[in-house]
Protein backbone atom coordinates (compact mmCIF):
# COMPACT_ATOMS: atom_id res chain seq x y z
CA MET A 1 0.00 0.00 0.00
CA THR A 2 1.31 3.43 -0.98
CA THR A 3 1.29 6.25 1.57
CA ILE A 4 1.67 9.90 0.56
CA PHE A 5 3.96 12.03 2.72
CA VAL A 6 4.46 15.80 2.63
CA THR A 7 7.49 17.59 4.05
CA SER A 8 9.68 20.65 3.62
CA ASP A 9 12.72 22.65 4.71
CA TRP A 10 15.26 19.87 5.04
CA HIS A 11 18.14 22.24 4.21
CA TRP A 12 20.69 19.54 3.55
CA PHE A 13 24.30 20.79 3.96
CA HIS A 14 23.20 24.06 5.61
CA PRO A 15 25.67 24.84 8.46
CA LEU A 16 23.63 27.69 9.96
CA VAL A 17 20.43 25.65 10.22
CA ALA A 18 22.25 22.50 11.25
CA THR A 19 24.39 23.81 14.10
CA GLN A 20 22.66 26.97 15.35
CA HIS A 21 18.92 26.60 14.86
CA ARG A 22 18.03 22.92 14.70
CA GLY A 23 18.37 19.94 16.99
CA TYR A 24 16.50 16.88 18.20
CA ARG A 25 14.88 15.74 21.42
CA LEU A 26 16.72 13.39 23.74
CA PRO A 27 14.82 10.73 25.76
CA ASP A 28 14.65 13.13 28.74
CA GLY A 29 12.91 15.75 26.55
CA SER A 30 15.87 18.15 26.31
CA LEU A 31 16.93 19.59 22.96
CA LYS A 32 20.35 18.66 21.59
CA LEU A 33 21.70 20.89 18.86
CA PHE A 34 23.54 19.23 15.99
CA GLU A 35 27.30 19.45 16.22
CA SER A 36 27.95 19.30 12.48
CA VAL A 37 26.33 19.33 9.06
CA GLU A 38 27.14 15.64 8.75
CA GLU A 39 25.29 14.76 11.96
CA HIS A 40 22.33 16.88 10.84
CA ASN A 41 22.16 15.17 7.46
CA GLU A 42 22.43 11.65 8.89
CA ILE A 43 19.71 12.16 11.50
CA LEU A 44 17.33 13.56 8.87
CA ILE A 45 18.06 10.66 6.51
CA GLU A 46 17.46 8.17 9.33
CA ARG A 47 14.13 9.73 10.31
CA PHE A 48 12.97 10.05 6.72
CA ASN A 49 13.66 6.41 5.94
CA LYS A 50 12.16 5.27 9.24
CA ARG A 51 8.77 6.52 8.04
CA VAL A 52 8.92 6.41 4.25
CA THR A 53 9.16 3.04 2.49
CA LYS A 54 10.15 2.22 -1.07
CA ARG A 55 6.43 2.03 -1.95
CA ASP A 56 5.54 5.58 -0.88
CA LYS A 57 5.13 8.95 -2.58
CA VAL A 58 6.76 12.06 -1.09
CA VAL A 59 5.99 15.70 -1.89
CA PHE A 60 8.73 18.12 -0.82
CA LEU A 61 7.53 21.70 -0.34
CA GLY A 62 10.82 23.35 -1.00
CA ASP A 63 14.18 24.32 0.48
CA SER A 64 15.87 21.02 -0.19
CA ASN A 65 19.26 22.62 0.32
CA ALA A 66 21.20 25.81 0.85
CA GLY A 67 24.35 26.17 -1.18
CA LYS A 68 25.41 22.61 -2.01
CA GLU A 69 22.53 21.87 -4.33
CA ARG A 70 24.15 19.13 -6.39
CA ASP A 71 25.21 17.25 -3.26
CA ALA A 72 21.72 17.60 -1.80
CA LEU A 73 20.07 16.31 -4.98
CA GLU A 74 22.41 13.33 -5.11
CA LEU A 75 21.56 12.56 -1.48
CA ILE A 76 17.82 12.74 -2.22
CA ALA A 77 18.17 10.51 -5.28
CA THR A 78 20.37 7.85 -3.73
CA ARG A 79 19.76 7.73 0.02
CA LEU A 80 16.08 8.50 0.59
CA ASN A 81 13.29 5.95 0.29
CA GLY A 82 10.23 6.55 -1.87
CA LEU A 83 8.68 5.15 -5.00
CA SER A 84 8.27 8.69 -6.31
CA LYS A 85 9.45 12.08 -5.12
CA HIS A 86 8.09 15.45 -6.17
CA ILE A 87 9.17 18.99 -5.35
CA VAL A 88 7.35 22.30 -5.10
CA PHE A 89 10.23 24.78 -5.16
CA GLY A 90 11.14 27.06 -2.26
CA ASN A 91 13.24 30.19 -2.14
CA HIS A 92 16.44 28.18 -1.53
CA ASP A 93 15.89 25.99 -4.60
CA SER A 94 17.50 27.35 -7.76
CA GLY A 95 14.57 26.06 -9.84
CA HIS A 96 12.13 28.52 -8.28
CA PRO A 97 11.06 31.23 -10.76
CA MET A 98 12.38 33.97 -8.46
CA HIS A 99 15.91 32.93 -9.44
CA GLU A 100 17.75 33.88 -12.60
CA LYS A 101 17.97 30.99 -15.09
CA SER A 102 15.42 29.05 -13.06
CA GLN A 103 14.18 27.14 -16.10
CA VAL A 104 17.70 25.93 -16.84
CA ASN A 105 18.32 25.16 -13.18
CA GLN A 106 15.20 23.00 -13.00
CA ARG A 107 17.02 20.38 -15.06
CA ARG A 108 19.24 19.69 -12.06
CA PHE A 109 16.23 18.43 -10.13
CA VAL A 110 15.23 15.86 -12.74
CA GLY A 111 16.53 12.53 -11.54
CA ALA A 112 16.22 13.34 -7.87
CA PHE A 113 12.53 14.18 -8.41
CA ASP A 114 9.84 12.74 -10.65
CA SER A 115 8.17 16.14 -11.07
CA VAL A 116 8.93 19.79 -10.34
CA ALA A 117 6.55 22.72 -9.81
CA SER A 118 6.18 26.09 -8.11
CA ILE A 119 2.78 25.27 -6.65
CA GLY A 120 0.65 22.14 -6.56
CA ARG A 121 -2.46 20.41 -5.27
CA LEU A 122 -3.36 17.26 -3.37
CA LYS A 123 -6.68 15.71 -2.48
CA ILE A 124 -6.93 15.05 1.24
CA ALA A 125 -10.04 13.91 3.11
CA GLY A 126 -12.13 14.64 0.04
CA GLN A 127 -10.89 18.24 -0.24
CA ARG A 128 -8.59 19.90 -2.73
CA VAL A 129 -5.57 21.21 -0.85
CA MET A 130 -3.03 23.64 -2.27
CA THR A 131 0.67 22.91 -1.73
CA SER A 132 3.20 25.74 -1.67
CA HIS A 133 6.51 26.43 -0.01
CA PHE A 134 5.12 29.73 1.19
CA PRO A 135 2.20 30.25 3.59
CA PHE A 136 -0.40 32.93 2.95
CA LEU A 137 1.23 35.42 5.33
CA VAL A 138 3.29 33.93 8.20
CA ASP A 139 7.09 34.19 8.22
CA HIS A 140 9.91 33.72 10.70
CA THR A 141 11.14 37.26 10.19
CA TYR A 142 9.68 40.56 11.39
CA ARG A 143 8.10 41.25 8.02
CA PRO A 144 6.75 38.65 5.58
CA ARG A 145 9.02 38.20 2.57
CA TYR A 146 8.53 36.95 -0.99
CA ASN A 147 5.00 38.33 -1.07
CA MET A 148 4.71 38.13 -4.86
CA TRP A 149 5.31 34.36 -4.69
CA ARG A 150 2.83 33.58 -1.93
CA PRO A 151 -0.51 31.95 -2.78
CA ARG A 152 -3.67 33.99 -2.30
CA PRO A 153 -6.29 32.82 0.20
CA GLU A 154 -9.19 32.60 -2.24
CA PRO A 155 -12.52 32.19 -0.37
CA GLN A 156 -14.46 28.97 -0.91
CA ASP A 157 -18.23 28.43 -0.90
CA ASP A 158 -18.25 28.56 2.90
CA GLY A 159 -16.47 31.93 2.91
CA LEU A 160 -13.25 30.47 4.34
CA PRO A 161 -9.98 30.23 2.40
CA GLN A 162 -8.91 27.05 0.68
CA TRP A 163 -6.71 24.63 2.59
CA LEU A 164 -2.96 25.16 2.22
CA LEU A 165 0.02 23.00 3.12
CA HIS A 166 3.26 24.97 3.35
CA GLY A 167 6.80 25.14 4.73
CA HIS A 168 9.15 28.13 4.99
CA THR A 169 8.46 29.33 8.54
CA HIS A 170 10.83 27.02 10.47
CA LEU A 171 8.46 27.38 13.41
CA ASN A 172 7.43 24.47 15.63
CA VAL A 173 3.78 25.43 15.04
CA ARG A 174 1.74 23.04 12.89
CA ARG A 175 -1.42 25.14 12.39
CA THR A 176 -0.54 28.61 11.12
CA GLY A 177 -3.99 29.74 10.01
CA ILE A 178 -7.61 28.71 9.98
CA ARG A 179 -6.90 26.49 6.96
CA GLU A 180 -3.11 26.44 6.87
CA ILE A 181 -0.89 23.56 7.96
CA HIS A 182 2.88 23.80 8.29
CA VAL A 183 4.60 20.57 7.20
CA GLY A 184 8.20 21.68 7.73
CA VAL A 185 10.39 19.23 9.64
CA ASP A 186 10.89 21.72 12.47
CA ALA A 187 7.23 21.27 13.43
CA TRP A 188 7.20 17.48 13.09
CA ASP A 189 10.22 16.34 15.09
CA LEU A 190 12.28 16.15 11.88
CA TYR A 191 9.94 13.60 10.24
CA PRO A 192 7.86 13.79 7.04
CA VAL A 193 4.09 13.94 7.57
CA ALA A 194 1.63 11.34 6.27
CA ILE A 195 -1.56 12.69 4.72
CA ASP A 196 -3.60 10.74 7.28
CA GLU A 197 -2.00 12.91 9.96
CA ILE A 198 -2.80 15.99 7.94
CA ALA A 199 -6.41 14.87 7.49
CA ALA A 200 -6.75 14.45 11.26
CA LEU A 201 -5.32 17.92 11.84
CA MET A 202 -7.75 19.41 9.32
CA LYS A 203 -10.63 18.19 11.49
CA GLU A 204 -9.37 19.98 14.60
CA THR A 205 -10.66 23.41 15.54
CA TYR A 206 -8.06 26.06 14.90
CA ASP A 207 -6.92 27.95 18.00
CA PRO A 208 -4.50 30.78 17.15
CA ASP A 209 -3.38 30.96 20.80
CA SER A 210 -2.43 27.28 21.13
């Protein structure tokens, strides 16, 4: 049986993320920061493959790397499980249209990924869900950035915006809006998220203060 997973913001080979901003929980609940890029990469690979099998489909919502793109793409192609892998580009991916020569750069991602896009859709719990690296508004900086590349919260028949899965924020918050879910690894203990988990979260009442 194939399971669909969604994830984002792995930032392979990113020293700043790896050693200053990201860590993992020890059995006693304390947070241990990574000591090196290599440790960061290996823990993420281990957790990815612990959940994803060779029968599964994975949708990456951007920021696969930061700087060492070819090394990151080789890692994704050769060391990560998954029957098929798909990417929706983020601001750190050279294939995103915000970057010069993005159309040429997209060729680099072929091989590591079965499809590439700047925005996408999934069907979850009977609903059409937009997938984007960027949320509607939230950011981890004082002011939201990349506004021209963010999706617009188009109202649906019930007056509420469409559902959106996104990354980018690096926050540990999973619900970032009334119909927004953050799938970045920082919010999911460094694991990819199965769509069954997302469907369950969609049923919960959104509390902006939680």
